[in-house]
Amino acid sequence: MLLQDIITFGNIGIDELYVYVILFFLFCMLIYYFIRPLSRWAINRKMNRLMSYIVVTLLLVIFILIVTNYVDSFQLNRALKVGLQISALFGFCIIIVSPIARFLQKKPAK
């Protein structure tokens, strides 16, 4: 594995998996620290479509990871590539369809 030659803890019971878990947790905290101002800004500006798009994309990636874990015929990199392309198409549709729908729903001024 990657850290096997770098980290040796002897007989204290910490193996490579625990080191990966700790690094992953620290990485999640770091990402949260940098994303938090952006998410607060989007919430304060009432950017509901952006927040919905981010949540849908995250759920799509999680779904792809779950499916590729249980179905052996799926390749992770191809599935993620297709999933992210679908997410980009979904974002493009949100950008195009939402203003058009708002324009069509607007009642003419009398």
Protein backbone atom coordinates (compact mmCIF):
# COMPACT_ATOMS: atom_id res chain seq x y z
CA MET A 1 0.00 0.00 0.00
CA LEU A 2 0.96 3.63 -0.22
CA LEU A 3 1.86 4.38 3.40
CA GLN A 4 3.15 0.94 4.32
CA ASP A 5 6.83 1.81 3.91
CA ILE A 6 6.53 5.31 5.36
CA ILE A 7 4.57 4.68 8.56
CA THR A 8 5.57 2.01 11.03
CA PHE A 9 4.06 1.94 14.49
CA GLY A 10 5.41 -1.34 15.79
CA ASN A 11 3.11 -3.28 18.07
CA ILE A 12 0.82 -0.50 19.29
CA GLY A 13 -2.13 -1.73 17.22
CA ILE A 14 -2.30 1.01 14.58
CA ASP A 15 -2.17 -0.36 11.07
CA GLU A 16 -2.34 1.28 7.66
CA LEU A 17 -6.14 1.32 7.52
CA TYR A 18 -6.37 3.54 10.60
CA VAL A 19 -3.89 5.97 9.07
CA TYR A 20 -6.02 6.20 5.93
CA VAL A 21 -9.15 6.78 8.01
CA ILE A 22 -7.45 9.59 9.94
CA LEU A 23 -6.12 11.18 6.73
CA PHE A 24 -9.54 10.93 5.08
CA PHE A 25 -11.18 12.53 8.13
CA LEU A 26 -8.64 15.37 8.11
CA PHE A 27 -9.21 15.85 4.38
CA CYS A 28 -12.98 16.06 4.96
CA MET A 29 -12.47 18.67 7.68
CA LEU A 30 -10.19 20.68 5.37
CA ILE A 31 -12.72 20.60 2.53
CA TYR A 32 -15.51 21.58 4.94
CA TYR A 33 -13.43 24.50 6.19
CA PHE A 34 -12.92 25.85 2.66
CA ILE A 35 -16.43 25.11 1.33
CA ARG A 36 -18.32 26.53 4.33
CA PRO A 37 -17.96 30.23 3.33
CA LEU A 38 -19.12 29.40 -0.20
CA SER A 39 -22.17 27.53 1.05
CA ARG A 40 -23.07 30.29 3.50
CA TRP A 41 -22.74 32.85 0.71
CA ALA A 42 -25.03 30.80 -1.55
CA ILE A 43 -27.59 30.36 1.22
CA ASN A 44 -27.53 34.07 2.11
CA ARG A 45 -27.98 34.99 -1.56
CA LYS A 46 -30.89 32.51 -1.74
CA MET A 47 -29.30 30.48 -4.52
CA ASN A 48 -31.62 27.53 -4.11
CA ARG A 49 -30.97 26.13 -7.57
CA LEU A 50 -27.21 26.09 -6.99
CA MET A 51 -27.57 24.37 -3.63
CA SER A 52 -30.02 21.84 -5.11
CA TYR A 53 -27.62 21.17 -7.98
CA ILE A 54 -24.74 20.57 -5.57
CA VAL A 55 -26.80 18.17 -3.45
CA VAL A 56 -28.10 16.28 -6.49
CA THR A 57 -24.58 15.94 -7.90
CA LEU A 58 -23.25 14.70 -4.55
CA LEU A 59 -26.07 12.15 -4.28
CA LEU A 60 -25.40 11.03 -7.86
CA VAL A 61 -21.71 10.43 -7.11
CA ILE A 62 -22.60 8.53 -3.91
CA PHE A 63 -25.11 6.41 -5.86
CA ILE A 64 -22.50 5.64 -8.53
CA LEU A 65 -19.99 4.61 -5.85
CA ILE A 66 -22.55 2.32 -4.21
CA VAL A 67 -23.55 0.72 -7.52
CA THR A 68 -19.96 0.16 -8.62
CA ASN A 69 -19.20 -1.39 -5.24
CA TYR A 70 -21.97 -4.00 -5.56
CA VAL A 71 -21.96 -4.63 -9.33
CA ASP A 72 -18.71 -6.08 -10.55
CA SER A 73 -19.29 -5.34 -14.24
CA PHE A 74 -19.26 -1.55 -13.69
CA GLN A 75 -15.94 0.22 -14.00
CA LEU A 76 -15.62 3.04 -11.49
CA ASN A 77 -13.83 5.54 -13.74
CA ARG A 78 -16.28 5.07 -16.61
CA ALA A 79 -19.28 5.26 -14.30
CA LEU A 80 -17.99 8.45 -12.66
CA LYS A 81 -17.25 9.96 -16.07
CA VAL A 82 -20.80 9.28 -17.27
CA GLY A 83 -22.26 10.45 -13.95
CA LEU A 84 -20.39 13.73 -14.03
CA GLN A 85 -21.39 14.26 -17.66
CA ILE A 86 -25.02 13.72 -16.66
CA SER A 87 -24.53 16.16 -13.80
CA ALA A 88 -23.12 18.77 -16.19
CA LEU A 89 -26.06 18.26 -18.56
CA PHE A 90 -28.44 18.62 -15.62
CA GLY A 91 -26.75 21.88 -14.61
CA PHE A 92 -26.97 23.17 -18.17
CA CYS A 93 -30.69 22.32 -18.25
CA ILE A 94 -31.22 24.18 -14.97
CA ILE A 95 -29.45 27.24 -16.41
CA ILE A 96 -31.50 27.19 -19.63
CA VAL A 97 -34.93 25.91 -18.56
CA SER A 98 -35.39 27.88 -15.34
CA PRO A 99 -35.27 31.40 -16.86
CA ILE A 100 -37.49 30.28 -19.75
CA ALA A 101 -40.05 28.82 -17.34
CA ARG A 102 -39.95 32.00 -15.25
CA PHE A 103 -40.47 34.10 -18.39
CA LEU A 104 -43.43 31.98 -19.51
CA GLN A 105 -45.06 32.12 -16.07
CA LYS A 106 -44.75 35.90 -15.81
CA LYS A 107 -48.11 37.51 -16.28
CA PRO A 108 -48.32 40.44 -18.69
CA ALA A 109 -48.62 43.87 -17.08
CA LYS A 110 -51.96 45.63 -17.51
